[in-house]
């Protein structure tokens, strides 16, 4: 796993470990379905002992690190499961045909064992963390990936079968009942699945109707929340200008250029492929390349691709003038922008002067994005930014203050 991916993984793992800890600290029940244990090697840093070699420092990561408990598991697989706590018997009966264990616990002393393999080894149970009133319930693996659980509707669409719905309803009912038991709100045994077929008061229908209406409102709110979460992700992608490289950096640059009313397209014809052809309201045609460096300034190596694209583009019969070159640089990208040295080398500045190209620090472009996101109608600022880009030749673009 790359350094960038490791950072993202660590951030996500820390987030979800905190979420689970918070849930348990507030007295909630967390159910964890135990899949196979997996681990990988993740890069945390690198050094360059010579020009053409790089050494990486790594650490081992695994898919169980997010769980806020010291679980020692090893992979083992089987379908013969014993239920050692009778209050979980109905849960197992509900899902036994889709359940198997994929890990066993090497040390279950701190866990109340609920499920065990044929030889008595623990494969699931309940863990209580110190100073946390909530419960961590560890369940053998199950899923609904089964041909019997889907069918075709009258419109030839794949839908859940009645069997799948029956099992899922029983599963939810048992999880809710176990949650109540663990919180001490019920002393009785969780109701078995067959209770659903027993006679019920007529008032149940009205209650269930009201519950359905509330569920519909919840679904609507959840859809609204998901849409807002997507919008948030879209806006946060602009921060890639500060620390990303490769495709994520390219996408963020394109987003800001579009805020400035530039058209950004990929040009492909025959063997010629240019990722960023940029045209603004003035009609000025430009070609861009981007580069991110972990701990150094942007050197002249990226100019080869930029100069080649400009030359091949100018050879086309329908092009009368060579496009202006733009090199977007994110030097020292793993450092805070306030502490970075010059982001382009002296050779880059010299080469930009030779080609008449403009150099753009993506950290500067981020400030442009912030202003335009807050004030999208500031046309004067947009015009001033476009002029700065189009009129800068052989130097770093200095964007206007908002």
Protein backbone atom coordinates (compact mmCIF):
# COMPACT_ATOMS: atom_id res chain seq x y z
CA UNK A 1 0.00 0.00 0.00
CA UNK A 2 1.41 3.40 -0.97
CA UNK A 3 2.25 6.17 1.50
CA UNK A 4 -0.82 8.13 0.41
CA UNK A 5 -3.11 5.11 0.70
CA UNK A 6 -1.65 4.26 4.10
CA UNK A 7 -2.44 7.77 5.33
CA UNK A 8 -6.02 7.47 4.10
CA UNK A 9 -6.40 3.99 5.58
CA UNK A 10 -5.03 5.13 8.94
CA UNK A 11 -7.37 8.11 8.99
CA UNK A 12 -10.40 5.95 8.14
CA UNK A 13 -9.45 3.28 10.70
CA UNK A 14 -8.95 5.89 13.41
CA UNK A 15 -12.32 7.46 12.55
CA UNK A 16 -14.27 4.21 12.76
CA UNK A 17 -12.44 2.97 15.85
CA UNK A 18 -13.43 6.27 17.51
CA UNK A 19 -17.02 5.87 16.30
CA UNK A 20 -17.26 2.35 17.75
CA UNK A 21 -15.64 3.46 21.01
CA UNK A 22 -18.11 6.34 21.27
CA UNK A 23 -21.04 4.01 20.62
CA UNK A 24 -19.91 1.59 23.32
CA UNK A 25 -19.14 4.42 25.75
CA UNK A 26 -22.70 5.72 25.32
CA UNK A 27 -24.17 2.31 26.16
CA UNK A 28 -24.99 1.10 22.65
CA UNK A 29 -24.72 -2.45 21.35
CA UNK A 30 -22.34 -2.95 18.40
CA UNK A 31 -22.76 -6.12 16.31
CA UNK A 32 -19.68 -7.19 14.33
CA UNK A 33 -19.84 -9.87 11.64
CA UNK A 34 -16.48 -11.67 11.66
CA UNK A 35 -15.01 -12.13 8.20
CA UNK A 36 -11.63 -13.70 7.47
CA UNK A 37 -8.56 -11.99 8.92
CA UNK A 38 -6.47 -10.14 6.32
CA UNK A 39 -3.28 -8.14 6.59
CA UNK A 40 -1.06 -6.15 4.24
CA UNK A 41 2.16 -4.19 4.19
CA UNK A 42 1.69 -0.40 4.20
CA UNK A 43 4.32 2.24 3.41
CA UNK A 44 4.70 5.02 6.00
CA UNK A 45 7.68 6.89 4.57
CA UNK A 46 10.57 6.72 2.13
CA UNK A 47 14.16 7.76 1.56
CA UNK A 48 16.24 8.07 -1.62
CA UNK A 49 19.78 6.78 -1.01
CA UNK A 50 20.54 7.37 -4.68
CA UNK A 51 18.95 9.01 -7.69
CA UNK A 52 17.34 5.87 -9.09
CA UNK A 53 16.39 4.03 -5.93
CA UNK A 54 13.90 4.55 -3.13
CA UNK A 55 13.65 2.72 0.18
CA UNK A 56 10.32 2.47 1.98
CA UNK A 57 9.58 2.05 5.66
CA UNK A 58 6.47 -0.07 6.18
CA UNK A 59 4.09 -1.30 8.83
CA UNK A 60 1.63 -4.20 8.92
CA UNK A 61 -2.07 -3.33 8.80
CA UNK A 62 -5.10 -5.58 9.15
CA UNK A 63 -8.87 -5.47 8.78
CA UNK A 64 -9.48 -6.05 12.52
CA UNK A 65 -7.61 -2.94 13.72
CA UNK A 66 -10.79 -0.85 13.61
CA UNK A 67 -12.43 -2.93 16.36
CA UNK A 68 -11.77 -1.27 19.74
CA UNK A 69 -10.80 -4.51 21.51
CA UNK A 70 -7.68 -6.65 21.63
CA UNK A 71 -8.91 -9.60 19.55
CA UNK A 72 -6.54 -12.46 18.79
CA UNK A 73 -7.98 -14.43 15.88
CA UNK A 74 -6.73 -16.84 13.24
CA UNK A 75 -8.43 -17.98 10.07
CA UNK A 76 -10.42 -21.21 10.21
CA UNK A 77 -13.58 -22.17 8.39
CA UNK A 78 -16.55 -24.38 9.20
CA UNK A 79 -20.34 -24.62 9.45
CA UNK A 80 -20.75 -26.76 12.56
CA UNK A 81 -21.63 -24.20 15.24
CA UNK A 82 -22.66 -24.75 18.85
CA UNK A 83 -24.67 -22.15 20.78
CA UNK A 84 -23.41 -21.96 24.36
CA UNK A 85 -25.77 -19.20 25.54
CA UNK A 86 -29.45 -20.10 25.14
CA UNK A 87 -30.49 -16.44 24.77
CA UNK A 88 -28.78 -16.50 21.36
CA UNK A 89 -30.40 -19.75 20.24
CA UNK A 90 -33.22 -18.06 18.30
CA UNK A 91 -30.74 -15.77 16.56
CA UNK A 92 -28.75 -18.75 15.33
CA UNK A 93 -31.91 -20.60 14.28
CA UNK A 94 -32.90 -17.56 12.18
CA UNK A 95 -29.69 -17.45 10.15
CA UNK A 96 -28.06 -20.87 10.49
CA UNK A 97 -28.44 -21.74 6.80
CA UNK A 98 -26.43 -18.66 5.76
CA UNK A 99 -23.88 -18.77 8.60
CA UNK A 100 -20.35 -20.13 8.81
CA UNK A 101 -17.36 -19.19 10.91
CA UNK A 102 -14.26 -17.81 9.21
CA UNK A 103 -12.09 -17.08 12.25
CA UNK A 104 -11.58 -18.63 15.68
CA UNK A 105 -10.35 -16.85 18.80
CA UNK A 106 -6.91 -17.75 20.11
CA UNK A 107 -7.66 -16.12 23.46
CA UNK A 108 -11.27 -15.78 24.61
CA UNK A 109 -10.64 -15.25 28.34
CA UNK A 110 -11.97 -11.68 28.26
CA UNK A 111 -15.03 -12.64 26.21
CA UNK A 112 -18.34 -14.21 27.16
CA UNK A 113 -18.36 -17.04 24.62
CA UNK A 114 -21.70 -17.47 22.84
CA UNK A 115 -20.77 -19.54 19.78
CA UNK A 116 -18.14 -22.27 19.51
CA UNK A 117 -16.80 -24.67 16.90
CA UNK A 118 -17.07 -28.46 17.19
CA UNK A 119 -13.89 -28.67 19.27
CA UNK A 120 -15.13 -25.99 21.69
CA UNK A 121 -13.01 -23.15 20.31
CA UNK A 122 -14.74 -19.78 20.63
CA UNK A 123 -15.99 -18.32 17.34
CA UNK A 124 -18.24 -15.55 18.67
CA UNK A 125 -19.33 -13.86 21.87
CA UNK A 126 -19.80 -10.65 23.83
CA UNK A 127 -16.97 -8.33 24.90
CA UNK A 128 -17.33 -5.61 27.53
CA UNK A 129 -14.70 -2.87 27.47
CA UNK A 130 -13.49 -1.21 30.64
CA UNK A 131 -15.55 1.86 31.60
CA UNK A 132 -17.90 1.27 28.64
CA UNK A 133 -21.52 0.30 29.43
CA UNK A 134 -22.14 -0.87 25.86
CA UNK A 135 -21.62 -4.36 24.46
CA UNK A 136 -19.52 -5.58 21.53
CA UNK A 137 -21.28 -8.63 20.07
CA UNK A 138 -19.06 -10.71 17.77
CA UNK A 139 -21.01 -12.93 15.38
CA UNK A 140 -19.91 -15.72 13.01
CA UNK A 141 -19.94 -14.65 9.37
CA UNK A 142 -23.20 -14.60 7.40
CA UNK A 143 -24.47 -12.96 4.22
CA UNK A 144 -27.42 -13.03 1.83
CA UNK A 145 -25.41 -13.89 -1.28
CA UNK A 146 -27.55 -16.88 -2.17
CA UNK A 147 -29.43 -17.75 -5.37
CA UNK A 148 -32.50 -18.67 -3.32
CA UNK A 149 -32.68 -15.15 -1.91
CA UNK A 150 -33.41 -13.35 -5.18
CA UNK A 151 -36.06 -13.76 -7.85
CA UNK A 152 -37.40 -11.92 -10.88
CA UNK A 153 -40.40 -9.63 -10.57
CA UNK A 154 -43.14 -9.30 -13.19
CA UNK A 155 -41.01 -6.51 -14.71
CA UNK A 156 -38.03 -8.88 -14.95
CA UNK A 157 -36.19 -6.98 -12.18
CA UNK A 158 -34.18 -8.84 -9.56
CA UNK A 159 -35.83 -8.56 -6.15
CA UNK A 160 -35.52 -10.23 -2.76
CA UNK A 161 -37.37 -13.50 -2.42
CA UNK A 162 -39.90 -14.12 0.33
CA UNK A 163 -37.40 -16.45 1.97
CA UNK A 164 -34.78 -13.71 2.13
CA UNK A 165 -37.29 -11.24 3.57
CA UNK A 166 -38.44 -13.76 6.17
CA UNK A 167 -34.88 -14.50 7.30
CA UNK A 168 -33.87 -10.83 7.35
CA UNK A 169 -36.95 -9.87 9.39
CA UNK A 170 -36.18 -12.64 11.88
CA UNK A 171 -32.55 -11.50 12.04
CA UNK A 172 -33.48 -7.89 12.79
CA UNK A 173 -36.01 -8.99 15.40
CA UNK A 174 -33.39 -11.10 17.19
CA UNK A 175 -30.74 -8.37 17.11
CA UNK A 176 -33.20 -5.92 18.65
CA UNK A 177 -34.17 -8.46 21.32
CA UNK A 178 -30.51 -9.19 22.17
CA UNK A 179 -29.81 -5.45 22.38
CA UNK A 180 -32.68 -5.09 24.88
CA UNK A 181 -31.44 -8.02 26.94
CA UNK A 182 -27.90 -6.68 27.08
CA UNK A 183 -29.18 -3.29 28.22
CA UNK A 184 -31.23 -4.98 30.93
CA UNK A 185 -34.58 -3.76 29.61
CA UNK A 186 -35.91 -7.30 29.24
CA UNK A 187 -35.55 -10.35 31.42
CA UNK A 188 -37.45 -12.78 29.20
CA UNK A 189 -36.00 -14.93 26.43
CA UNK A 190 -36.02 -13.22 23.00
CA UNK A 191 -39.21 -14.31 21.16
CA UNK A 192 -38.72 -17.22 18.74
CA UNK A 193 -39.47 -16.68 15.03
CA UNK A 194 -42.75 -18.63 15.11
CA UNK A 195 -44.31 -16.01 17.42
CA UNK A 196 -44.76 -13.85 14.31
CA UNK A 197 -47.53 -16.25 13.19
CA UNK A 198 -49.53 -15.95 16.42
CA UNK A 199 -52.80 -13.94 16.62
CA UNK A 200 -52.36 -10.21 17.35
CA UNK A 201 -54.67 -7.38 18.53
CA UNK A 202 -56.22 -5.25 15.78
CA UNK A 203 -54.41 -2.19 17.14
CA UNK A 204 -51.16 -3.70 15.88
CA UNK A 205 -52.17 -2.87 12.27
CA UNK A 206 -52.64 0.81 13.10
CA UNK A 207 -49.36 0.90 15.01
CA UNK A 208 -47.53 -0.76 12.14
CA UNK A 209 -49.08 1.71 9.69
CA UNK A 210 -47.79 4.63 11.74
CA UNK A 211 -44.38 2.97 12.00
CA UNK A 212 -44.34 2.59 8.20
CA UNK A 213 -45.10 6.31 7.79
CA UNK A 214 -42.30 7.21 10.17
CA UNK A 215 -39.93 4.84 8.36
CA UNK A 216 -40.84 6.54 5.05
CA UNK A 217 -39.94 9.93 6.56
CA UNK A 218 -36.70 8.48 7.91
CA UNK A 219 -35.86 7.11 4.45
CA UNK A 220 -36.55 10.52 2.91
CA UNK A 221 -34.32 12.23 5.48
CA UNK A 222 -31.64 9.59 4.96
CA UNK A 223 -31.75 10.25 1.20
CA UNK A 224 -31.42 13.98 1.84
CA UNK A 225 -28.51 13.33 4.19
CA UNK A 226 -26.78 11.09 1.63
CA UNK A 227 -27.18 13.78 -1.02
CA UNK A 228 -25.64 16.36 1.32
CA UNK A 229 -22.82 13.95 2.14
CA UNK A 230 -22.11 13.59 -1.60
CA UNK A 231 -22.06 17.40 -1.92
CA UNK A 232 -19.68 17.62 1.03
CA UNK A 233 -17.34 15.07 -0.57
CA UNK A 234 -17.47 17.01 -3.83
CA UNK A 235 -16.47 20.25 -2.08
CA UNK A 236 -13.77 18.59 0.03
CA UNK A 237 -12.12 17.32 -3.16
CA UNK A 238 -10.82 20.86 -3.70
CA UNK A 239 -8.48 20.26 -0.74
CA UNK A 240 -6.66 17.74 -2.96
CA UNK A 241 -4.94 20.82 -4.38
CA UNK A 242 -2.97 21.00 -1.12
CA UNK A 243 -1.63 17.46 -0.80
CA UNK A 244 -2.51 15.16 -3.72
CA UNK A 245 -0.74 14.01 -6.85
CA UNK A 246 -1.73 12.07 -9.98
CA UNK A 247 -5.37 11.79 -11.00
CA UNK A 248 -6.85 13.21 -7.74
CA UNK A 249 -4.76 16.35 -8.21
CA UNK A 250 -5.73 16.59 -11.88
CA UNK A 251 -9.45 16.35 -11.06
CA UNK A 252 -9.18 19.07 -8.43
CA UNK A 253 -7.37 21.37 -10.87
CA UNK A 254 -10.08 20.80 -13.49
CA UNK A 255 -12.80 21.63 -10.95
CA UNK A 256 -11.22 25.02 -10.16
CA UNK A 257 -10.65 25.83 -13.84
CA UNK A 258 -14.35 25.21 -14.46
CA UNK A 259 -15.20 27.54 -11.56
CA UNK A 260 -13.21 30.13 -13.53
CA UNK A 261 -15.44 29.42 -16.57
CA UNK A 262 -12.75 27.54 -18.49
CA UNK A 263 -13.69 24.56 -20.62
CA UNK A 264 -11.41 21.64 -19.84
CA UNK A 265 -11.44 18.67 -22.19
CA UNK A 266 -9.40 15.62 -23.08
CA UNK A 267 -8.38 15.62 -26.74
CA UNK A 268 -7.90 12.30 -28.52
CA UNK A 269 -7.32 11.76 -32.22
CA UNK A 270 -5.32 8.83 -33.58
CA UNK A 271 -2.20 8.33 -31.46
CA UNK A 272 -2.40 11.86 -30.04
CA UNK A 273 -3.90 12.13 -26.56
CA UNK A 274 -3.83 15.34 -24.49
CA UNK A 275 -5.39 15.21 -21.04
CA UNK A 276 -6.01 18.91 -20.44
CA UNK A 277 -6.97 21.22 -23.29
CA UNK A 278 -8.12 24.46 -21.63
CA UNK A 279 -10.09 27.19 -23.40
CA UNK A 280 -11.52 30.28 -21.69
CA UNK A 281 -14.04 32.98 -22.66
CA UNK A 282 -11.21 34.94 -24.33
CA UNK A 283 -10.64 32.06 -26.74
CA UNK A 284 -7.04 31.60 -25.58
CA UNK A 285 -6.10 27.97 -26.01
CA UNK A 286 -3.87 26.33 -23.37
CA UNK A 287 -2.53 22.87 -22.56
CA UNK A 288 -1.86 21.84 -18.99
CA UNK A 289 0.22 19.26 -17.13
CA UNK A 290 0.34 18.69 -13.36
CA UNK A 291 2.90 17.26 -10.97
CA UNK A 292 3.02 16.59 -7.24
CA UNK A 293 6.23 15.95 -5.30
CA UNK A 294 6.39 14.45 -1.81
CA UNK A 295 9.34 16.38 -0.43
CA UNK A 296 10.91 18.36 -3.26
CA UNK A 297 10.20 21.15 -5.72
CA UNK A 298 8.79 20.59 -9.22
CA UNK A 299 11.69 20.03 -11.63
CA UNK A 300 11.86 20.28 -15.43
CA UNK A 301 11.03 16.61 -16.11
CA UNK A 302 7.30 17.33 -16.56
CA UNK A 303 8.12 19.93 -19.24
CA UNK A 304 9.04 17.11 -21.64
CA UNK A 305 5.45 15.89 -21.73
CA UNK A 306 4.05 19.42 -21.80
CA UNK A 307 6.35 20.52 -24.65
CA UNK A 308 5.62 17.32 -26.60
CA UNK A 309 1.85 17.82 -26.29
CA UNK A 310 2.09 21.46 -27.40
CA UNK A 311 4.23 20.48 -30.40
CA UNK A 312 2.00 17.61 -31.52
CA UNK A 313 -1.07 19.75 -31.04
CA UNK A 314 0.42 22.55 -33.17
CA UNK A 315 1.19 20.09 -35.98
CA UNK A 316 -2.56 19.58 -36.52
CA UNK A 317 -3.88 21.31 -39.64
CA UNK A 318 -6.70 23.11 -37.86
CA UNK A 319 -4.39 24.76 -35.28
CA UNK A 320 -2.84 28.12 -36.32
CA UNK A 321 -1.05 29.08 -33.10
CA UNK A 322 0.76 26.94 -30.54
CA UNK A 323 -1.14 26.56 -27.30
CA UNK A 324 0.18 28.18 -24.17
CA UNK A 325 1.64 25.73 -21.65
CA UNK A 326 0.51 25.59 -18.03
CA UNK A 327 2.40 23.56 -15.45
CA UNK A 328 0.49 23.02 -12.21
CA UNK A 329 2.83 22.13 -9.36
CA UNK A 330 2.25 20.78 -5.85
CA UNK A 331 5.78 20.72 -4.49
CA UNK A 332 6.56 19.49 -0.97
CA UNK A 333 2.97 18.26 -0.90
CA UNK A 334 3.26 16.30 2.36
CA UNK A 335 4.26 19.44 4.26
CA UNK A 336 1.98 22.20 5.45
CA UNK A 337 1.72 24.90 2.73
CA UNK A 338 2.92 27.56 5.19
CA UNK A 339 6.24 25.75 5.69
CA UNK A 340 7.05 24.90 2.07
CA UNK A 341 10.10 26.15 0.22
CA UNK A 342 9.95 27.38 -3.40
CA UNK A 343 7.73 24.88 -5.22
CA UNK A 344 9.44 25.17 -8.63
CA UNK A 345 13.18 24.76 -9.24
CA UNK A 346 15.25 27.47 -10.93
CA UNK A 347 15.51 25.26 -14.02
CA UNK A 348 11.72 25.07 -14.15
CA UNK A 349 11.51 28.86 -14.12
CA UNK A 350 14.17 29.08 -16.83
CA UNK A 351 12.37 26.54 -18.99
CA UNK A 352 9.04 28.28 -18.47
CA UNK A 353 10.66 31.48 -19.77
CA UNK A 354 12.02 29.67 -22.81
CA UNK A 355 8.58 28.25 -23.66
CA UNK A 356 6.48 31.20 -22.54
CA UNK A 357 4.64 28.90 -20.14
CA UNK A 358 3.00 29.79 -16.84
CA UNK A 359 3.69 28.00 -13.56
CA UNK A 360 0.78 27.61 -11.13
CA UNK A 361 1.14 26.53 -7.52
CA UNK A 362 -1.89 24.42 -6.68
CA UNK A 363 -1.81 25.78 -3.12
CA UNK A 364 -2.49 29.22 -4.64
CA UNK A 365 -5.23 27.71 -6.79
CA UNK A 366 -6.85 26.37 -3.61
CA UNK A 367 -7.30 29.91 -2.29
CA UNK A 368 -8.98 30.81 -5.58
CA UNK A 369 -11.33 27.86 -5.16
CA UNK A 370 -12.24 28.85 -1.58
CA UNK A 371 -13.25 32.35 -2.66
CA UNK A 372 -15.25 31.20 -5.67
CA UNK A 373 -17.08 28.56 -3.64
CA UNK A 374 -18.06 31.23 -1.11
CA UNK A 375 -18.76 33.93 -3.72
CA UNK A 376 -19.63 32.21 -7.01
CA UNK A 377 -21.03 35.44 -8.52
CA UNK A 378 -17.76 37.40 -8.19
CA UNK A 379 -17.24 37.83 -11.94
CA UNK A 380 -14.58 40.51 -11.50
CA UNK A 381 -12.44 38.09 -9.52
CA UNK A 382 -12.89 35.38 -12.15
CA UNK A 383 -11.79 37.75 -14.92
CA UNK A 384 -8.76 38.90 -12.91
CA UNK A 385 -7.73 35.28 -12.25
CA UNK A 386 -8.06 34.34 -15.93
CA UNK A 387 -5.95 37.38 -16.92
CA UNK A 388 -3.27 36.36 -14.41
CA UNK A 389 -3.11 32.88 -15.94
CA UNK A 390 -3.22 33.96 -19.58
CA UNK A 391 -0.81 36.91 -19.30
CA UNK A 392 1.86 35.28 -17.14
CA UNK A 393 4.78 34.08 -19.26
CA UNK A 394 7.89 32.45 -17.86
CA UNK A 395 6.97 32.81 -14.20
CA UNK A 396 4.69 31.79 -11.38
CA UNK A 397 1.11 33.05 -11.65
CA UNK A 398 0.27 35.60 -8.95
CA UNK A 399 -3.48 35.50 -8.40
CA UNK A 400 -5.32 38.66 -7.33
CA UNK A 401 -6.54 39.12 -3.80
CA UNK A 402 -10.33 38.61 -3.57
